[in-house]
Protein backbone atom coordinates (compact mmCIF):
# COMPACT_ATOMS: atom_id res chain seq x y z
CA UNK A 1 181.07 192.22 68.00
CA UNK A 2 178.63 190.76 65.46
CA UNK A 3 177.00 187.51 66.41
CA UNK A 4 176.74 184.89 63.67
CA UNK A 5 173.65 182.77 63.01
CA UNK A 6 173.47 179.19 61.77
CA UNK A 7 173.70 180.33 58.11
CA UNK A 8 177.05 182.03 58.67
CA UNK A 9 175.55 185.53 58.36
CA UNK A 10 175.88 188.14 61.07
CA UNK A 11 172.73 189.34 62.79
CA UNK A 12 173.45 192.72 61.24
CA UNK A 13 173.34 191.12 57.75
CA UNK A 14 170.11 189.34 58.64
CA UNK A 15 168.51 192.65 59.49
CA UNK A 16 169.84 194.18 56.31
CA UNK A 17 168.39 191.34 54.18
CA UNK A 18 165.08 191.81 56.02
CA UNK A 19 165.17 195.48 55.13
CA UNK A 20 165.71 194.56 51.49
CA UNK A 21 162.67 192.35 51.49
CA UNK A 22 160.69 195.14 53.17
CA UNK A 23 161.79 197.47 50.40
CA UNK A 24 160.54 194.95 47.89
CA UNK A 25 157.22 194.39 49.68
CA UNK A 26 155.22 195.48 46.63
CA UNK A 27 156.64 192.49 44.77
CA UNK A 28 155.86 189.97 47.50
CA UNK A 29 152.71 188.51 45.72
CA UNK A 30 154.93 187.65 42.75
CA UNK A 31 157.55 186.09 44.94
CA UNK A 32 154.93 183.85 46.58
CA UNK A 33 153.58 182.64 43.21
CA UNK A 34 155.41 179.39 42.46
CA UNK A 35 154.64 179.73 38.71
CA UNK A 36 156.51 183.03 38.44
CA UNK A 37 160.20 182.61 37.72
CA UNK A 38 161.28 186.20 37.04
CA UNK A 39 160.22 189.58 38.27
CA UNK A 40 161.32 192.72 36.31
CA UNK A 41 160.98 196.40 37.20
CA UNK A 42 161.56 198.59 34.18
CA UNK A 43 162.82 202.23 34.17
CA UNK A 44 159.22 203.47 33.96
CA UNK A 45 158.41 201.57 37.16
CA UNK A 46 156.22 198.99 35.45
CA UNK A 47 156.49 195.50 36.92
CA UNK A 48 156.65 192.58 34.49
CA UNK A 49 156.75 188.85 35.34
CA UNK A 50 157.67 185.73 33.50
CA UNK A 51 155.15 183.07 34.46
CA UNK A 52 155.28 179.44 33.47
CA UNK A 53 152.63 178.77 30.80
CA UNK A 54 151.88 182.46 30.32
CA UNK A 55 155.24 183.87 29.39
CA UNK A 56 156.30 187.51 29.92
CA UNK A 57 153.47 189.84 30.87
CA UNK A 58 152.90 193.27 32.38
CA UNK A 59 151.22 193.00 35.79
CA UNK A 60 149.71 196.45 36.23
CA UNK A 61 151.81 196.89 39.43
CA UNK A 62 154.28 199.78 39.73
CA UNK A 63 157.30 200.73 41.82
CA UNK A 64 158.61 204.25 42.11
CA UNK A 65 162.25 205.02 41.30
CA UNK A 66 163.12 205.99 44.94
CA UNK A 67 161.83 202.57 46.15
CA UNK A 68 163.79 200.66 43.52
CA UNK A 69 166.99 202.60 44.23
CA UNK A 70 166.53 202.05 48.00
CA UNK A 71 166.24 198.29 47.50
CA UNK A 72 169.38 198.24 45.33
CA UNK A 73 171.43 200.28 47.84
CA UNK A 74 170.22 198.11 50.75
CA UNK A 75 171.21 195.01 48.84
CA UNK A 76 174.67 196.44 48.15
CA UNK A 77 175.14 197.30 51.82
CA UNK A 78 174.17 193.79 52.92
CA UNK A 79 176.73 192.35 50.56
CA UNK A 80 179.48 194.87 51.50
CA UNK A 81 179.43 196.32 47.97
CA UNK A 82 179.07 199.90 46.76
CA UNK A 83 176.89 201.29 44.07
CA UNK A 84 177.04 204.84 42.76
CA UNK A 85 178.03 207.05 39.81
CA UNK A 86 181.13 205.01 38.91
CA UNK A 87 179.70 201.57 39.83
CA UNK A 88 176.11 201.71 38.88
CA UNK A 89 175.44 197.97 38.44
CA UNK A 90 174.94 195.37 41.16
CA UNK A 91 174.74 191.58 40.87
CA UNK A 92 173.68 189.99 44.13
CA UNK A 93 171.88 187.09 45.76
CA UNK A 94 169.55 187.19 48.73
CA UNK A 95 170.51 184.26 50.98
CA UNK A 96 167.65 182.14 52.28
CA UNK A 97 165.41 183.22 49.39
CA UNK A 98 167.90 182.35 46.67
CA UNK A 99 166.73 185.32 44.58
CA UNK A 100 169.37 186.42 42.05
CA UNK A 101 169.20 190.18 41.59
CA UNK A 102 170.58 192.47 38.96
CA UNK A 103 170.10 196.12 39.88
CA UNK A 104 171.06 199.11 37.74
CA UNK A 105 171.23 202.78 38.56
CA UNK A 106 171.78 205.99 36.48
CA UNK A 107 173.81 206.84 34.54
CA UNK A 108 173.81 203.43 32.81
CA UNK A 109 169.98 203.42 32.84
CA UNK A 110 167.50 206.32 32.72
CA UNK A 111 165.96 205.29 36.04
CA UNK A 112 166.68 202.46 38.54
CA UNK A 113 165.79 198.98 37.29
CA UNK A 114 165.63 195.49 38.82
CA UNK A 115 165.76 192.01 37.35
CA UNK A 116 165.00 189.28 39.86
CA UNK A 117 165.42 185.59 39.05
CA UNK A 118 163.69 183.20 41.44
CA UNK A 119 165.00 179.69 42.04
CA UNK A 120 162.63 176.92 40.99
CA UNK A 121 160.39 176.15 43.99
CA UNK A 122 158.98 173.01 42.43
CA UNK A 123 160.94 170.10 41.03
CA UNK A 124 159.26 168.70 37.94
CA UNK A 125 159.80 165.14 36.87
CA UNK A 126 160.33 163.99 33.32
CA UNK A 127 156.78 162.61 33.39
CA UNK A 128 155.54 166.12 34.22
CA UNK A 129 157.30 167.33 31.09
CA UNK A 130 155.58 164.61 29.08
CA UNK A 131 152.16 165.51 30.48
CA UNK A 132 152.78 169.14 29.56
CA UNK A 133 153.92 168.08 26.10
CA UNK A 134 157.26 169.77 26.62
CA UNK A 135 158.98 166.44 25.70
CA UNK A 136 157.68 163.33 24.05
CA UNK A 137 157.34 160.03 25.85
CA UNK A 138 160.12 158.69 23.62
CA UNK A 139 162.44 161.54 24.48
CA UNK A 140 161.68 161.29 28.23
CA UNK A 141 162.61 157.57 28.11
CA UNK A 142 165.79 158.42 26.24
CA UNK A 143 166.74 161.06 28.85
CA UNK A 144 165.93 158.74 31.77
CA UNK A 145 168.00 155.93 30.20
CA UNK A 146 170.88 158.35 29.54
CA UNK A 147 170.97 159.52 33.14
CA UNK A 148 170.84 155.98 34.54
CA UNK A 149 173.57 154.74 32.20
CA UNK A 150 175.72 157.70 33.21
CA UNK A 151 175.94 159.59 29.95
CA UNK A 152 177.40 163.11 30.13
CA UNK A 153 174.62 165.54 29.33
CA UNK A 154 174.68 169.23 28.33
CA UNK A 155 171.41 171.12 28.63
CA UNK A 156 171.45 174.09 26.27
CA UNK A 157 169.16 177.01 25.69
CA UNK A 158 168.76 180.75 25.94
CA UNK A 159 168.22 182.86 29.04
CA UNK A 160 165.05 181.93 30.89
CA UNK A 161 164.41 178.90 28.66
CA UNK A 162 164.15 176.50 31.61
CA UNK A 163 167.59 174.89 31.48
CA UNK A 164 167.93 174.66 35.24
CA UNK A 165 164.41 173.32 35.76
CA UNK A 166 165.03 170.61 33.19
CA UNK A 167 168.39 169.82 34.84
CA UNK A 168 166.54 169.40 38.12
CA UNK A 169 164.29 166.88 36.46
CA UNK A 170 167.37 164.96 35.34
CA UNK A 171 168.83 165.17 38.85
CA UNK A 172 165.59 163.69 40.12
CA UNK A 173 166.37 160.60 38.05
CA UNK A 174 170.06 160.56 39.15
CA UNK A 175 168.93 160.79 42.80
CA UNK A 176 167.35 157.36 42.51
CA UNK A 177 170.92 155.91 42.42
CA UNK A 178 173.42 155.64 45.25
CA UNK A 179 175.96 157.76 43.32
CA UNK A 180 177.83 160.45 45.23
CA UNK A 181 177.05 163.75 43.49
CA UNK A 182 178.99 167.01 43.77
CA UNK A 183 177.02 170.07 42.57
CA UNK A 184 178.90 173.25 41.71
CA UNK A 185 177.12 176.55 41.09
CA UNK A 186 177.40 180.27 41.77
CA UNK A 187 173.86 180.55 43.04
CA UNK A 188 171.82 177.84 44.61
CA UNK A 189 169.33 176.82 41.94
CA UNK A 190 170.01 173.11 41.47
CA UNK A 191 167.71 170.88 43.50
CA UNK A 192 168.79 167.36 44.26
CA UNK A 193 167.23 165.11 46.85
CA UNK A 194 170.01 162.49 46.78
CA UNK A 195 171.15 161.17 50.16
CA UNK A 196 174.78 161.30 48.95
CA UNK A 197 175.57 164.79 47.74
CA UNK A 198 177.77 167.85 48.32
CA UNK A 199 176.76 171.30 47.17
CA UNK A 200 179.46 173.93 46.46
CA UNK A 201 179.00 177.65 45.90
CA UNK A 202 181.64 179.48 43.88
CA UNK A 203 182.53 183.17 44.19
CA UNK A 204 185.38 185.58 43.38
CA UNK A 205 187.59 183.98 46.02
CA UNK A 206 186.65 180.37 45.04
CA UNK A 207 186.24 180.34 41.26
CA UNK A 208 184.62 177.59 39.23
CA UNK A 209 187.95 176.19 37.85
CA UNK A 210 189.30 175.64 41.31
CA UNK A 211 186.05 174.09 42.49
CA UNK A 212 186.08 171.57 39.62
CA UNK A 213 189.71 170.62 40.27
CA UNK A 214 189.16 170.33 44.04
CA UNK A 215 186.10 168.21 43.40
CA UNK A 216 188.25 165.36 42.10
CA UNK A 217 189.47 164.92 45.68
CA UNK A 218 185.93 164.77 47.04
CA UNK A 219 185.29 161.25 45.72
CA UNK A 220 182.54 162.18 43.24
CA UNK A 221 180.60 159.70 41.08
CA UNK A 222 178.88 162.49 39.20
CA UNK A 223 180.01 166.11 38.76
CA UNK A 224 177.17 168.54 38.13
CA UNK A 225 177.70 172.21 37.21
CA UNK A 226 174.81 174.71 37.30
CA UNK A 227 176.11 176.60 34.22
CA UNK A 228 179.38 176.53 32.29
CA UNK A 229 180.30 180.11 31.48
CA UNK A 230 184.13 180.26 31.51
CA UNK A 231 187.34 178.26 31.07
CA UNK A 232 186.17 175.80 33.75
CA UNK A 233 184.59 174.02 30.72
CA UNK A 234 187.99 172.46 29.98
CA UNK A 235 188.46 171.17 33.53
CA UNK A 236 184.94 169.78 33.58
CA UNK A 237 185.30 167.87 30.33
CA UNK A 238 188.62 166.46 31.48
CA UNK A 239 186.99 165.21 34.70
CA UNK A 240 184.04 163.74 32.84
CA UNK A 241 186.44 161.95 30.53
CA UNK A 242 188.70 160.49 33.19
CA UNK A 243 186.56 158.28 35.42
CA UNK A 244 183.66 160.56 36.36
CA UNK A 245 180.84 159.97 33.85
CA UNK A 246 177.24 160.82 34.42
CA UNK A 247 177.72 164.57 34.68
CA UNK A 248 175.19 167.21 33.79
CA UNK A 249 175.66 170.92 33.04
CA UNK A 250 173.87 173.79 31.33
CA UNK A 251 175.20 176.21 28.75
CA UNK A 252 173.87 179.15 26.82
CA UNK A 253 173.49 178.30 23.14
CA UNK A 254 171.07 178.77 20.25
CA UNK A 255 170.83 175.08 19.26
CA UNK A 256 172.46 171.72 20.10
CA UNK A 257 175.38 172.04 17.73
CA UNK A 258 175.86 175.58 18.93
CA UNK A 259 176.42 174.18 22.44
CA UNK A 260 179.48 172.33 21.18
CA UNK A 261 180.79 175.52 19.50
CA UNK A 262 180.13 177.44 22.71
CA UNK A 263 182.07 174.89 24.76
CA UNK A 264 185.02 175.39 22.44
CA UNK A 265 184.81 179.16 22.72
CA UNK A 266 184.85 178.93 26.57
CA UNK A 267 187.76 176.49 26.55
CA UNK A 268 189.70 178.95 24.37
CA UNK A 269 189.59 181.40 27.28
CA UNK A 270 192.32 179.30 28.87
CA UNK A 271 194.06 177.56 25.93
CA UNK A 272 194.80 178.76 22.39
CA UNK A 273 192.99 175.97 20.58
CA UNK A 274 190.07 174.00 21.98
CA UNK A 275 190.69 170.23 22.00
CA UNK A 276 187.63 169.37 19.89
CA UNK A 277 188.42 165.67 20.19
CA UNK A 278 188.00 165.95 23.95
CA UNK A 279 184.66 167.76 23.50
CA UNK A 280 183.47 165.06 21.10
CA UNK A 281 184.57 162.28 23.45
CA UNK A 282 183.44 163.76 26.77
CA UNK A 283 179.89 164.99 25.75
CA UNK A 284 177.40 162.20 25.06
CA UNK A 285 174.14 164.11 24.74
CA UNK A 286 173.01 167.67 24.18
CA UNK A 287 169.40 168.54 25.09
CA UNK A 288 168.10 171.86 23.82
CA UNK A 289 165.17 173.65 25.37
CA UNK A 290 163.70 176.99 24.32
CA UNK A 291 160.93 179.38 25.08
CA UNK A 292 157.75 178.98 23.08
CA UNK A 293 154.98 181.38 24.10
CA UNK A 294 152.57 179.62 21.78
CA UNK A 295 153.07 176.37 23.71
CA UNK A 296 150.88 175.73 26.80
CA UNK A 297 153.98 174.96 28.84
CA UNK A 298 155.75 178.11 27.74
CA UNK A 299 158.77 176.20 26.51
CA UNK A 300 159.61 172.93 24.77
CA UNK A 301 162.54 170.67 24.09
CA UNK A 302 163.38 171.19 20.43
CA UNK A 303 166.29 168.84 19.98
CA UNK A 304 168.20 165.94 21.56
CA UNK A 305 171.55 165.36 19.86
CA UNK A 306 173.87 162.36 20.39
CA UNK A 307 177.56 163.22 20.11
CA UNK A 308 179.62 160.38 18.61
CA UNK A 309 182.98 162.12 18.48
CA UNK A 310 185.04 164.45 16.31
CA UNK A 311 186.56 163.55 12.96
CA UNK A 312 190.01 165.16 12.96
CA UNK A 313 190.56 164.46 9.24
CA UNK A 314 187.29 166.08 8.09
CA UNK A 315 187.30 168.51 11.03
CA UNK A 316 183.65 167.85 11.75
CA UNK A 317 181.48 166.81 14.70
CA UNK A 318 179.90 163.38 14.30
CA UNK A 319 176.39 163.62 15.69
CA UNK A 320 172.88 162.29 15.23
CA UNK A 321 169.47 163.16 16.57
CA UNK A 322 167.18 160.40 17.83
CA UNK A 323 167.21 157.47 15.41
CA UNK A 324 168.48 159.49 12.45
CA UNK A 325 171.79 158.76 10.74
CA UNK A 326 174.99 160.38 11.74
CA UNK A 327 175.63 163.88 10.48
CA UNK A 328 178.79 165.93 10.34
CA UNK A 329 179.00 169.55 11.34
CA UNK A 330 182.08 171.65 10.69
CA UNK A 331 182.85 173.73 13.76
CA UNK A 332 182.63 177.46 13.37
CA UNK A 333 185.43 179.63 14.62
CA UNK A 334 183.42 181.54 17.19
CA UNK A 335 179.85 181.28 18.47
CA UNK A 336 178.13 184.63 19.10
CA UNK A 337 175.82 184.44 22.14
């Protein structure tokens, strides 16, 4: 019989996770550095890190192929998964640490590789963003006001652009209210210090769409999703638009208007034609953040777009940025991400 600890993991699993961390011991200094958000081991064994303010850089450290493969196989065992010739890719999370791991083995790569995403260990405030010149004072005030007045906000950007960290800054503002918040994600990265919150983790057996629909029975004031990446976008927008304003979510997109196109593309995974009127009505604000290695903060907010609806006659989005006049953007058929 396997005993279960307070986290719901068997003691056998605990030992297996400990063995994983032992196998990754050469990377420990990077795990302990709060400024490092990603650790990458390339096929040649070179270790690269993405560090806030410095960007992606080669560390000079090195891991041999046998050590990398051992770590991947140990992780697979701990999560009751198998990796091998016909299943050479592993996506996993180390509980307790919150590290999100992507491991790859031959034949899909020349030699074993690892990509490790660390959850944010520090929660930055909007004022911190101002002090680092990532957002302007005016934009920070706009974001703060939008959160407090319960606008629905989409944070867009590319991989590693800092979407989740910015979302945590917005949640810091939302936490100053008494609103009951339900946070839905597939890996614990959102950080919210509200006294009235419920955090849900989705998986294969409990998908995002079901979590969103179930959440309507959890008496939420605000529904927060770590990242929209499938047809759950439709359920989320419906919930935001029917008595649950003040939501926040992230999405992969190249620019603010691209975030609206991307939402439509995801919705069309479950319906033939995306209800663009719903998108235009449910989303109030799109905040776009992107990497900028020339910037001292390593990233910056490049656009904040107000969404004022969708013109069905002209088939255009009605949007404006800051204090500029309204503009109309014709939706593209598909957004390539």
